[in-house]
C-alpha atoms as a PDB file:
ATOM      1  CA  MET A   1     185.646 329.948  15.137  1.00  0.00           C
ATOM      2  CA  ALA A   2     185.264 332.827  17.254  1.00  0.00           C
ATOM      3  CA  GLY A   3     184.521 336.130  14.736  1.00  0.00           C
ATOM      4  CA  LYS A   4     183.405 333.953  12.026  1.00  0.00           C
ATOM      5  CA  LYS A   5     179.666 333.590  10.734  1.00  0.00           C
ATOM      6  CA  TYR A   6     178.390 330.493   8.983  1.00  0.00           C
ATOM      7  CA  LYS A   7     175.289 329.518   6.938  1.00  0.00           C
ATOM      8  CA  TYR A   8     173.713 326.023   6.009  1.00  0.00           C
ATOM      9  CA  ASN A   9     173.596 325.395   2.448  1.00  0.00           C
ATOM     10  CA  LEU A  10     170.594 323.024   1.308  1.00  0.00           C
ATOM     11  CA  LYS A  11     171.943 322.510  -1.910  1.00  0.00           C
ATOM     12  CA  THR A  12     175.323 320.963  -0.727  1.00  0.00           C
ATOM     13  CA  LEU A  13     174.195 320.258   2.634  1.00  0.00           C
ATOM     14  CA  SER A  14     177.098 321.591   4.091  1.00  0.00           C
ATOM     15  CA  TYR A  15     177.819 324.921   6.240  1.00  0.00           C
ATOM     16  CA  GLU A  16     179.525 327.564   4.343  1.00  0.00           C
ATOM     17  CA  GLN A  17     181.527 330.828   5.935  1.00  0.00           C
ATOM     18  CA  VAL A  18     179.402 333.762   5.432  1.00  0.00           C
ATOM     19  CA  GLU A  19     181.170 336.607   3.721  1.00  0.00           C
ATOM     20  CA  LEU A  20     180.243 340.083   4.902  1.00  0.00           C
ATOM     21  CA  SER A  21     180.557 343.198   2.174  1.00  0.00           C
ATOM     22  CA  ALA A  22     182.509 346.236   2.874  1.00  0.00           C
ATOM     23  CA  ARG A  23     178.950 348.128   3.351  1.00  0.00           C
ATOM     24  CA  ASP A  24     177.952 345.575   5.813  1.00  0.00           C
ATOM     25  CA  ARG A  25     181.158 345.757   8.045  1.00  0.00           C
ATOM     26  CA  LEU A  26     180.876 349.488   8.150  1.00  0.00           C
ATOM     27  CA  LEU A  27     177.350 349.557   9.003  1.00  0.00           C
ATOM     28  CA  LYS A  28     178.317 347.384  11.380  1.00  0.00           C
ATOM     29  CA  LEU A  29     181.177 349.219  12.373  1.00  0.00           C
ATOM     30  CA  VAL A  30     178.800 352.562  13.110  1.00  0.00           C
ATOM     31  CA  THR A  31     176.241 350.373  14.971  1.00  0.00           C
ATOM     32  CA  TYR A  32     179.120 349.501  17.500  1.00  0.00           C
ATOM     33  CA  ALA A  33     180.119 353.219  17.687  1.00  0.00           C
ATOM     34  CA  PHE A  34     176.761 354.743  17.888  1.00  0.00           C
ATOM     35  CA  THR A  35     175.442 352.277  20.459  1.00  0.00           C
ATOM     36  CA  GLY A  36     178.982 353.054  22.775  1.00  0.00           C
ATOM     37  CA  VAL A  37     178.091 357.003  22.408  1.00  0.00           C
ATOM     38  CA  VAL A  38     174.643 356.321  23.535  1.00  0.00           C
ATOM     39  CA  PHE A  39     175.354 354.410  26.559  1.00  0.00           C
ATOM     40  CA  ALA A  40     178.485 356.637  27.255  1.00  0.00           C
ATOM     41  CA  SER A  41     176.609 359.707  27.090  1.00  0.00           C
ATOM     42  CA  ILE A  42     174.063 358.207  29.353  1.00  0.00           C
ATOM     43  CA  PHE A  43     176.720 357.622  31.793  1.00  0.00           C
ATOM     44  CA  ILE A  44     178.158 360.795  31.803  1.00  0.00           C
ATOM     45  CA  THR A  45     174.790 362.444  31.986  1.00  0.00           C
ATOM     46  CA  LEU A  46     174.109 360.490  35.282  1.00  0.00           C
ATOM     47  CA  THR A  47     177.688 360.841  36.800  1.00  0.00           C
ATOM     48  CA  TYR A  48     177.202 364.269  36.103  1.00  0.00           C
ATOM     49  CA  PHE A  49     173.992 365.256  37.585  1.00  0.00           C
ATOM     50  CA  PHE A  50     173.581 362.311  40.327  1.00  0.00           C
ATOM     51  CA  ILE A  51     177.003 361.758  41.285  1.00  0.00           C
ATOM     52  CA  ASP A  52     179.055 364.422  42.996  1.00  0.00           C
ATOM     53  CA  SER A  53     183.033 364.767  42.271  1.00  0.00           C
ATOM     54  CA  PRO A  54     185.579 365.103  44.717  1.00  0.00           C
ATOM     55  CA  LYS A  55     186.117 368.381  43.995  1.00  0.00           C
ATOM     56  CA  GLU A  56     181.924 368.838  44.182  1.00  0.00           C
ATOM     57  CA  LYS A  57     181.848 367.659  47.474  1.00  0.00           C
ATOM     58  CA  GLN A  58     184.209 369.778  48.487  1.00  0.00           C
ATOM     59  CA  LEU A  59     182.664 372.778  47.144  1.00  0.00           C
ATOM     60  CA  LYS A  60     179.243 371.821  48.453  1.00  0.00           C
ATOM     61  CA  ARG A  61     181.198 371.157  52.159  1.00  0.00           C
ATOM     62  CA  GLU A  62     182.763 374.955  52.270  1.00  0.00           C
ATOM     63  CA  ASN A  63     179.450 376.490  50.759  1.00  0.00           C
ATOM     64  CA  GLN A  64     177.622 374.779  53.769  1.00  0.00           C
ATOM     65  CA  GLN A  65     180.471 376.148  55.838  1.00  0.00           C
ATOM     66  CA  LEU A  66     179.823 379.753  54.706  1.00  0.00           C
ATOM     67  CA  LEU A  67     176.249 379.585  55.233  1.00  0.00           C
ATOM     68  CA  LEU A  68     176.780 378.570  58.811  1.00  0.00           C
ATOM     69  CA  GLN A  69     179.341 381.445  59.203  1.00  0.00           C
ATOM     70  CA  TYR A  70     176.497 383.718  57.690  1.00  0.00           C
ATOM     71  CA  GLU A  71     174.036 382.673  59.898  1.00  0.00           C
ATOM     72  CA  ILE A  72     176.457 383.346  63.131  1.00  0.00           C
ATOM     73  CA  LEU A  73     177.588 386.355  61.644  1.00  0.00           C
ATOM     74  CA  ASN A  74     173.941 387.738  61.470  1.00  0.00           C
ATOM     75  CA  GLY A  75     173.420 386.432  64.832  1.00  0.00           C
ATOM     76  CA  LYS A  76     176.378 388.714  66.527  1.00  0.00           C
ATOM     77  CA  MET A  77     174.830 391.343  64.394  1.00  0.00           C
ATOM     78  CA  ASP A  78     171.248 391.101  66.293  1.00  0.00           C
ATOM     79  CA  GLN A  79     173.413 391.059  69.699  1.00  0.00           C
ATOM     80  CA  ILE A  80     175.599 394.553  68.368  1.00  0.00           C
ATOM     81  CA  THR A  81     172.409 395.956  67.037  1.00  0.00           C
ATOM     82  CA  GLU A  82     170.842 395.626  70.632  1.00  0.00           C
ATOM     83  CA  VAL A  83     174.210 397.219  71.760  1.00  0.00           C
ATOM     84  CA  ILE A  84     173.390 400.334  69.567  1.00  0.00           C
ATOM     85  CA  SER A  85     170.093 400.840  70.221  1.00  0.00           C
ATOM     86  CA  ASP A  86     171.208 400.655  74.239  1.00  0.00           C
ATOM     87  CA  LEU A  87     173.614 403.444  73.591  1.00  0.00           C
ATOM     88  CA  GLU A  88     171.251 405.498  71.228  1.00  0.00           C
ATOM     89  CA  TYR A  89     168.691 405.513  73.721  1.00  0.00           C
ATOM     90  CA  ARG A  90     171.457 406.491  76.710  1.00  0.00           C
ATOM     91  CA  ASP A  91     172.341 409.078  74.656  1.00  0.00           C
ATOM     92  CA  ASP A  92     169.681 410.815  73.617  1.00  0.00           C
ATOM     93  CA  ASN A  93     167.798 410.428  76.852  1.00  0.00           C
ATOM     94  CA  ILE A  94     170.592 410.480  79.368  1.00  0.00           C
ATOM     95  CA  TYR A  95     173.552 412.258  78.355  1.00  0.00           C
ATOM     96  CA  ARG A  96     171.841 414.475  76.009  1.00  0.00           C
ATOM     97  CA  VAL A  97     169.209 415.721  78.901  1.00  0.00           C
ATOM     98  CA  VAL A  98     171.832 416.120  81.346  1.00  0.00           C
ATOM     99  CA  PHE A  99     173.693 418.777  79.213  1.00  0.00           C
ATOM    100  CA  GLU A 100     170.819 420.091  77.665  1.00  0.00           C
ATOM    101  CA  ALA A 101     171.617 418.958  74.257  1.00  0.00           C
ATOM    102  CA  GLU A 102     169.240 418.049  71.576  1.00  0.00           C
ATOM    103  CA  PRO A 103     168.749 414.440  70.521  1.00  0.00           C
ATOM    104  CA  ILE A 104     170.345 413.417  66.908  1.00  0.00           C
ATOM    105  CA  SER A 105     166.819 412.936  65.061  1.00  0.00           C
ATOM    106  CA  GLU A 106     165.902 409.398  64.096  1.00  0.00           C
ATOM    107  CA  ASN A 107     165.873 409.954  60.289  1.00  0.00           C
ATOM    108  CA  ILE A 108     169.653 410.837  60.780  1.00  0.00           C
ATOM    109  CA  ARG A 109     170.183 407.706  62.890  1.00  0.00           C
ATOM    110  CA  LYS A 110     168.249 405.110  60.505  1.00  0.00           C
ATOM    111  CA  ALA A 111     168.737 406.693  57.340  1.00  0.00           C
ATOM    112  CA  GLY A 112     169.711 404.392  54.354  1.00  0.00           C
ATOM    113  CA  PHE A 113     171.711 404.606  51.505  1.00  0.00           C
ATOM    114  CA  GLY A 114     170.136 405.616  48.343  1.00  0.00           C
ATOM    115  CA  GLY A 115     170.991 405.969  44.839  1.00  0.00           C
ATOM    116  CA  VAL A 116     171.906 403.199  42.403  1.00  0.00           C
ATOM    117  CA  ASN A 117     172.132 399.616  43.359  1.00  0.00           C
ATOM    118  CA  ARG A 118     174.929 398.948  45.466  1.00  0.00           C
ATOM    119  CA  TYR A 119     174.784 395.611  45.543  1.00  0.00           C
ATOM    120  CA  LYS A 120     174.480 394.476  41.930  1.00  0.00           C
ATOM    121  CA  TYR A 121     177.693 392.778  42.019  1.00  0.00           C
ATOM    122  CA  LEU A 122     176.427 390.360  44.362  1.00  0.00           C
ATOM    123  CA  GLU A 123     173.338 389.441  42.467  1.00  0.00           C
ATOM    124  CA  GLY A 124     173.559 385.999  40.387  1.00  0.00           C
ATOM    125  CA  TYR A 125     174.493 383.665  42.903  1.00  0.00           C
ATOM    126  CA  THR A 126     172.848 380.825  44.769  1.00  0.00           C
ATOM    127  CA  ASN A 127     172.917 382.922  48.111  1.00  0.00           C
ATOM    128  CA  SER A 128     172.829 386.545  46.555  1.00  0.00           C
ATOM    129  CA  GLU A 129     169.747 387.564  48.929  1.00  0.00           C
ATOM    130  CA  LEU A 130     171.540 386.293  52.099  1.00  0.00           C
ATOM    131  CA  VAL A 131     175.059 388.033  51.347  1.00  0.00           C
ATOM    132  CA  ILE A 132     173.324 391.157  50.040  1.00  0.00           C
ATOM    133  CA  ASN A 133     171.223 391.345  53.124  1.00  0.00           C
ATOM    134  CA  THR A 134     173.891 390.730  55.493  1.00  0.00           C
ATOM    135  CA  THR A 135     176.174 393.315  53.810  1.00  0.00           C
ATOM    136  CA  ALA A 136     173.524 395.963  53.980  1.00  0.00           C
ATOM    137  CA  ARG A 137     172.982 395.401  57.582  1.00  0.00           C
ATOM    138  CA  LEU A 138     176.968 395.357  58.162  1.00  0.00           C
ATOM    139  CA  GLU A 139     177.054 398.781  56.368  1.00  0.00           C
ATOM    140  CA  GLN A 140     173.974 400.274  58.192  1.00  0.00           C
ATOM    141  CA  LEU A 141     175.493 399.156  61.656  1.00  0.00           C
ATOM    142  CA  THR A 142     178.803 400.677  60.644  1.00  0.00           C
ATOM    143  CA  LYS A 143     177.102 404.031  59.886  1.00  0.00           C
ATOM    144  CA  GLN A 144     174.785 403.928  63.248  1.00  0.00           C
ATOM    145  CA  LEU A 145     178.406 403.477  64.806  1.00  0.00           C
ATOM    146  CA  TYR A 146     179.926 406.505  63.129  1.00  0.00           C
ATOM    147  CA  ILE A 147     177.145 408.624  64.004  1.00  0.00           C
ATOM    148  CA  GLN A 148     177.033 407.352  67.653  1.00  0.00           C
ATOM    149  CA  SER A 149     180.738 408.215  67.779  1.00  0.00           C
ATOM    150  CA  LYS A 150     180.763 411.764  66.723  1.00  0.00           C
ATOM    151  CA  SER A 151     177.646 412.297  68.947  1.00  0.00           C
ATOM    152  CA  PHE A 152     179.705 410.886  72.180  1.00  0.00           C
ATOM    153  CA  ASP A 153     182.700 413.266  70.800  1.00  0.00           C
ATOM    154  CA  GLU A 154     180.084 416.010  71.079  1.00  0.00           C
ATOM    155  CA  VAL A 155     178.900 415.026  74.462  1.00  0.00           C
ATOM    156  CA  ILE A 156     182.655 414.916  75.578  1.00  0.00           C
ATOM    157  CA  LYS A 157     182.660 418.466  74.395  1.00  0.00           C
ATOM    158  CA  LEU A 158     179.647 419.336  76.245  1.00  0.00           C
ATOM    159  CA  ALA A 159     180.581 417.509  79.611  1.00  0.00           C
ATOM    160  CA  LYS A 160     184.207 419.825  79.472  1.00  0.00           C
ATOM    161  CA  LYS A 161     181.826 422.792  79.193  1.00  0.00           C
ATOM    162  CA  LYS A 162     179.534 421.752  81.964  1.00  0.00           C
ATOM    163  CA  GLU A 163     181.075 423.835  84.448  1.00  0.00           C
ATOM    164  CA  GLU A 164     180.830 426.821  81.824  1.00  0.00           C
ATOM    165  CA  MET A 165     177.167 425.614  81.142  1.00  0.00           C
ATOM    166  CA  LEU A 166     176.132 425.783  84.883  1.00  0.00           C
ATOM    167  CA  ALA A 167     177.503 429.121  85.079  1.00  0.00           C
ATOM    168  CA  SER A 168     175.923 430.359  82.080  1.00  0.00           C
ATOM    169  CA  ILE A 169     172.167 428.946  82.666  1.00  0.00           C
ATOM    170  CA  PRO A 170     169.834 432.276  84.105  1.00  0.00           C
ATOM    171  CA  SER A 171     169.562 430.502  87.817  1.00  0.00           C
ATOM    172  CA  ILE A 172     168.602 433.467  89.951  1.00  0.00           C
ATOM    173  CA  MET A 173     166.366 435.888  90.202  1.00  0.00           C
ATOM    174  CA  PRO A 174     167.209 439.367  88.541  1.00  0.00           C
ATOM    175  CA  ILE A 175     166.165 441.418  91.549  1.00  0.00           C
ATOM    176  CA  SER A 176     166.530 440.963  95.235  1.00  0.00           C
ATOM    177  CA  ASN A 177     163.292 439.068  96.183  1.00  0.00           C
ATOM    178  CA  ASN A 178     163.926 437.349  99.342  1.00  0.00           C
ATOM    179  CA  ASP A 179     160.335 437.687 100.900  1.00  0.00           C
ATOM    180  CA  LEU A 180     158.947 436.602  97.582  1.00  0.00           C
ATOM    181  CA  LYS A 181     156.386 439.672  97.632  1.00  0.00           C
ATOM    182  CA  ARG A 182     157.744 441.037  94.685  1.00  0.00           C
ATOM    183  CA  VAL A 183     156.079 438.489  91.952  1.00  0.00           C
ATOM    184  CA  GLY A 184     153.705 441.102  90.192  1.00  0.00           C
ATOM    185  CA  SER A 185     152.454 438.508  87.302  1.00  0.00           C
ATOM    186  CA  GLY A 186     153.645 435.342  85.941  1.00  0.00           C
ATOM    187  CA  TYR A 187     154.035 433.531  82.467  1.00  0.00           C
ATOM    188  CA  GLY A 188     150.949 432.740  80.538  1.00  0.00           C
ATOM    189  CA  MET A 189     147.800 434.094  79.518  1.00  0.00           C
ATOM    190  CA  ARG A 190     147.256 437.598  81.639  1.00  0.00           C
ATOM    191  CA  MET A 191     144.855 440.591  81.179  1.00  0.00           C
ATOM    192  CA  HIS A 192     146.683 443.174  79.533  1.00  0.00           C
ATOM    193  CA  PRO A 193     146.714 446.483  81.565  1.00  0.00           C
ATOM    194  CA  VAL A 194     146.148 448.621  78.475  1.00  0.00           C
ATOM    195  CA  LEU A 195     144.585 446.607  76.106  1.00  0.00           C
ATOM    196  CA  LYS A 196     141.943 445.166  78.467  1.00  0.00           C
ATOM    197  CA  ILE A 197     142.116 441.623  76.725  1.00  0.00           C
ATOM    198  CA  PRO A 198     143.519 438.276  77.816  1.00  0.00           C
ATOM    199  CA  LYS A 199     146.682 438.103  76.018  1.00  0.00           C
ATOM    200  CA  PHE A 200     149.799 435.828  76.299  1.00  0.00           C
ATOM    201  CA  HIS A 201     152.574 437.231  78.963  1.00  0.00           C
ATOM    202  CA  ASP A 202     156.037 436.045  77.337  1.00  0.00           C
ATOM    203  CA  GLY A 203     157.778 436.373  81.060  1.00  0.00           C
ATOM    204  CA  MET A 204     157.711 437.415  84.772  1.00  0.00           C
ATOM    205  CA  ASP A 205     156.942 440.854  86.201  1.00  0.00           C
ATOM    206  CA  PHE A 206     158.691 441.858  89.843  1.00  0.00           C
ATOM    207  CA  THR A 207     157.162 445.072  91.115  1.00  0.00           C
ATOM    208  CA  ALA A 208     160.191 447.255  92.645  1.00  0.00           C
ATOM    209  CA  PRO A 209     160.685 450.651  93.397  1.00  0.00           C
ATOM    210  CA  THR A 210     162.326 452.783  90.958  1.00  0.00           C
ATOM    211  CA  GLY A 211     165.894 452.905  91.095  1.00  0.00           C
ATOM    212  CA  THR A 212     165.850 449.178  92.351  1.00  0.00           C
ATOM    213  CA  GLU A 213     169.066 447.163  91.101  1.00  0.00           C
ATOM    214  CA  ILE A 214     168.797 444.558  88.499  1.00  0.00           C
ATOM    215  CA  TYR A 215     171.161 441.570  88.336  1.00  0.00           C
ATOM    216  CA  VAL A 216     172.169 439.370  85.178  1.00  0.00           C
ATOM    217  CA  THR A 217     170.899 435.925  85.985  1.00  0.00           C
ATOM    218  CA  GLY A 218     173.970 433.889  84.491  1.00  0.00           C
ATOM    219  CA  LEU A 219     177.467 434.619  82.796  1.00  0.00           C
ATOM    220  CA  GLY A 220     176.923 435.895  79.437  1.00  0.00           C
ATOM    221  CA  THR A 221     177.362 438.612  76.842  1.00  0.00           C
ATOM    222  CA  VAL A 222     175.323 441.945  76.362  1.00  0.00           C
ATOM    223  CA  LYS A 223     173.692 441.627  72.930  1.00  0.00           C
ATOM    224  CA  LYS A 224     171.222 444.428  72.570  1.00  0.00           C
ATOM    225  CA  VAL A 225     170.560 447.719  74.101  1.00  0.00           C
ATOM    226  CA  SER A 226     167.655 449.717  73.357  1.00  0.00           C
ATOM    227  CA  LYS A 227     166.021 452.320  74.877  1.00  0.00           C
ATOM    228  CA  LYS A 228     162.563 452.751  73.733  1.00  0.00           C
ATOM    229  CA  ARG A 229     159.603 454.912  74.665  1.00  0.00           C
ATOM    230  CA  TYR A 230     156.977 452.207  73.498  1.00  0.00           C
ATOM    231  CA  GLY A 231     157.194 448.479  73.985  1.00  0.00           C
ATOM    232  CA  TYR A 232     159.826 446.981  76.359  1.00  0.00           C
ATOM    233  CA  GLY A 233     161.106 450.818  76.785  1.00  0.00           C
ATOM    234  CA  TYR A 234     164.721 450.632  77.839  1.00  0.00           C
ATOM    235  CA  HIS A 235     165.675 446.850  77.735  1.00  0.00           C
ATOM    236  CA  ILE A 236     168.963 444.865  77.072  1.00  0.00           C
ATOM    237  CA  ILE A 237     169.266 441.274  76.220  1.00  0.00           C
ATOM    238  CA  VAL A 238     172.111 438.937  77.133  1.00  0.00           C
ATOM    239  CA  ASP A 239     173.374 435.750  75.205  1.00  0.00           C
ATOM    240  CA  HIS A 240     174.506 433.287  77.506  1.00  0.00           C
ATOM    241  CA  GLY A 241     175.783 430.582  75.113  1.00  0.00           C
ATOM    242  CA  PHE A 242     173.852 427.128  74.997  1.00  0.00           C
ATOM    243  CA  GLY A 243     170.712 428.561  73.579  1.00  0.00           C
ATOM    244  CA  TYR A 244     170.003 430.727  76.343  1.00  0.00           C
ATOM    245  CA  GLU A 245     169.206 434.494  76.253  1.00  0.00           C
ATOM    246  CA  THR A 246     167.580 437.000  79.015  1.00  0.00           C
ATOM    247  CA  LEU A 247     165.574 440.118  78.320  1.00  0.00           C
ATOM    248  CA  TYR A 248     165.412 442.854  80.792  1.00  0.00           C
ATOM    249  CA  ALA A 249     162.617 445.444  80.030  1.00  0.00           C
ATOM    250  CA  HIS A 250     161.221 448.843  81.482  1.00  0.00           C
ATOM    251  CA  MET A 251     164.380 449.997  83.133  1.00  0.00           C
ATOM    252  CA  SER A 252     165.046 453.432  84.136  1.00  0.00           C
ATOM    253  CA  GLU A 253     168.820 453.126  83.693  1.00  0.00           C
ATOM    254  CA  ILE A 254     170.992 450.705  81.774  1.00  0.00           C
ATOM    255  CA  LYS A 255     174.668 450.433  83.118  1.00  0.00           C
ATOM    256  CA  VAL A 256     175.880 448.084  80.360  1.00  0.00           C
ATOM    257  CA  ARG A 257     177.181 448.379  76.860  1.00  0.00           C
ATOM    258  CA  VAL A 258     176.863 446.176  73.804  1.00  0.00           C
ATOM    259  CA  GLY A 259     179.623 443.124  73.774  1.00  0.00           C
ATOM    260  CA  GLN A 260     180.202 443.850  77.442  1.00  0.00           C
ATOM    261  CA  LYS A 261     180.812 440.234  79.259  1.00  0.00           C
ATOM    262  CA  LEU A 262     179.138 439.552  82.582  1.00  0.00           C
ATOM    263  CA  GLN A 263     179.311 437.367  85.537  1.00  0.00           C
ATOM    264  CA  ARG A 264     176.192 436.402  87.245  1.00  0.00           C
ATOM    265  CA  GLY A 265     174.833 438.997  89.612  1.00  0.00           C
ATOM    266  CA  ASP A 266     176.497 441.798  88.018  1.00  0.00           C
ATOM    267  CA  VAL A 267     174.332 444.619  88.307  1.00  0.00           C
ATOM    268  CA  ILE A 268     172.911 445.794  84.747  1.00  0.00           C
ATOM    269  CA  GLY A 269     170.318 448.450  85.190  1.00  0.00           C
ATOM    270  CA  LEU A 270     167.735 449.927  87.485  1.00  0.00           C
ATOM    271  CA  VAL A 271     164.001 449.263  87.700  1.00  0.00           C
ATOM    272  CA  GLY A 272     161.635 451.846  85.924  1.00  0.00           C
ATOM    273  CA  ASN A 273     158.556 452.592  84.134  1.00  0.00           C
ATOM    274  CA  THR A 274     159.519 453.038  80.526  1.00  0.00           C
ATOM    275  CA  GLY A 275     158.080 451.902  77.814  1.00  0.00           C
ATOM    276  CA  THR A 276     154.535 450.311  77.648  1.00  0.00           C
ATOM    277  CA  SER A 277     154.191 449.553  81.638  1.00  0.00           C
ATOM    278  CA  THR A 278     151.567 450.681  84.058  1.00  0.00           C
ATOM    279  CA  ALA A 279     153.713 450.982  87.164  1.00  0.00           C
ATOM    280  CA  PRO A 280     157.611 450.803  88.003  1.00  0.00           C
ATOM    281  CA  HIS A 281     158.386 447.049  87.753  1.00  0.00           C
ATOM    282  CA  LEU A 282     160.714 444.991  85.894  1.00  0.00           C
ATOM    283  CA  HIS A 283     159.649 442.742  83.100  1.00  0.00           C
ATOM    284  CA  TYR A 284     161.824 439.493  82.569  1.00  0.00           C
ATOM    285  CA  GLU A 285     162.193 436.980  80.081  1.00  0.00           C
ATOM    286  CA  VAL A 286     164.085 433.491  79.903  1.00  0.00           C
ATOM    287  CA  ARG A 287     164.605 432.106  76.114  1.00  0.00           C
ATOM    288  CA  LYS A 288     165.802 428.697  74.759  1.00  0.00           C
ATOM    289  CA  ASN A 289     166.772 428.362  70.917  1.00  0.00           C
ATOM    290  CA  GLY A 290     164.468 431.576  70.287  1.00  0.00           C
ATOM    291  CA  ALA A 291     161.686 430.267  72.037  1.00  0.00           C
ATOM    292  CA  HIS A 292     159.976 431.795  75.340  1.00  0.00           C
ATOM    293  CA  ILE A 293     160.044 429.207  78.602  1.00  0.00           C
ATOM    294  CA  ASN A 294     158.791 430.147  82.086  1.00  0.00           C
ATOM    295  CA  PRO A 295     161.562 431.784  83.704  1.00  0.00           C
ATOM    296  CA  VAL A 296     159.984 430.432  87.046  1.00  0.00           C
ATOM    297  CA  ASN A 297     161.655 427.388  86.487  1.00  0.00           C
ATOM    298  CA  TYR A 298     165.174 428.955  86.711  1.00  0.00           C
ATOM    299  CA  TYR A 299     165.134 430.351  90.442  1.00  0.00           C
ATOM    300  CA  TYR A 300     166.381 427.118  91.813  1.00  0.00           C
ATOM    301  CA  GLN A 301     170.163 428.787  93.074  1.00  0.00           C
ATOM    302  CA  ASP A 302     168.168 431.482  95.129  1.00  0.00           C
ATOM    303  CA  LEU A 303     165.560 429.582  96.323  1.00  0.00           C
ATOM    304  CA  SER A 304     165.069 426.686  99.038  1.00  0.00           C
ATOM    305  CA  PRO A 305     162.311 423.873  97.994  1.00  0.00           C
ATOM    306  CA  LYS A 306     159.608 425.410 100.009  1.00  0.00           C
ATOM    307  CA  GLN A 307     159.932 428.665  98.380  1.00  0.00           C
ATOM    308  CA  PHE A 308     160.334 427.350  94.944  1.00  0.00           C
ATOM    309  CA  GLU A 309     156.966 425.790  95.624  1.00  0.00           C
ATOM    310  CA  GLU A 310     155.402 429.230  97.081  1.00  0.00           C
ATOM    311  CA  ILE A 311     156.776 431.594  93.851  1.00  0.00           C
ATOM    312  CA  ILE A 312     155.186 428.817  91.227  1.00  0.00           C
ATOM    313  CA  GLU A 313     151.778 429.270  93.509  1.00  0.00           C
ATOM    314  CA  LEU A 314     152.371 433.198  92.996  1.00  0.00           C
ATOM    315  CA  SER A 315     153.228 432.995  89.485  1.00  0.00           C
ATOM    316  CA  ASP A 316     150.135 430.864  89.044  1.00  0.00           C
ATOM    317  CA  GLN A 317     147.760 433.358  89.750  1.00  0.00           C
ATOM    318  CA  PRO A 318     145.759 435.418  87.234  1.00  0.00           C
ATOM    319  CA  LEU A 319     146.656 438.593  87.671  1.00  0.00           C
ATOM    320  CA  GLN A 320     146.755 441.619  85.505  1.00  0.00           C
ATOM    321  CA  SER A 321     150.518 442.068  83.807  1.00  0.00           C
ATOM    322  CA  PHE A 322     152.289 445.560  84.087  1.00  0.00           C
ATOM    323  CA  ASP A 323     153.136 445.762  80.256  1.00  0.00           C
END
């Protein structure tokens, strides 16, 4: 009968049913149970590590889709980066040049985010590096766009002030000089008339009789009026805004006061021989953001192209200065 065991007895020459003890039955039960647990564990392990559940399959598909989207996003950010770089180049080399504004420092445009780890909350995941890099790039682009937006706001303000700026730039000669015969000494290294040594001449000297009228070369405000017996002698400084200042020295008479508003062409004084000067003349300087620049580059409203070339040649001659 199924489930029963029999043993052949040699003495009785017959089969006798084997009766299991309680201990044997318990041992048999434990053996069956252990074997089942082992096989079940093996099956579960294989299933867990090598066979995906429907939910796991769905999550893997979603992860693949997310990775694809990140790659697409990075590609779009590459395109945006190129566009922003082009805007920055145009801003620094075209728009700001037109309006004579200083370009934005590269350190400001490309500055990163310092301090503690901003992306710690994104660490510890399978694709943490990709996610962190993408997030960092996105934040950097956001900052660049913000800086560029502020820059364009400034350019718009400069554009609105363009008319005022054009009126303020010192763009005529400070005395009547149609025949260009009054250029005494130009900008650069010149022999000093008193010290008799080569010395840098910060402006241009225009020879003219004492009493010749001096004109302000651009719209501005009188910043300084000084009457000295040495150096520049009787001289004034006019603030034109936009970083420009002009100086008029060795005057015989000053016709303006500090704070007075001026229009280009207004008479501000008369040519003289005051201060450290060897003959009646006007010493004229142009400064931009505190630095001296060659005044000859700013006579374009007074001169034709041919005259402009001629005055450049005259100002470059290594003549002795008058002051």
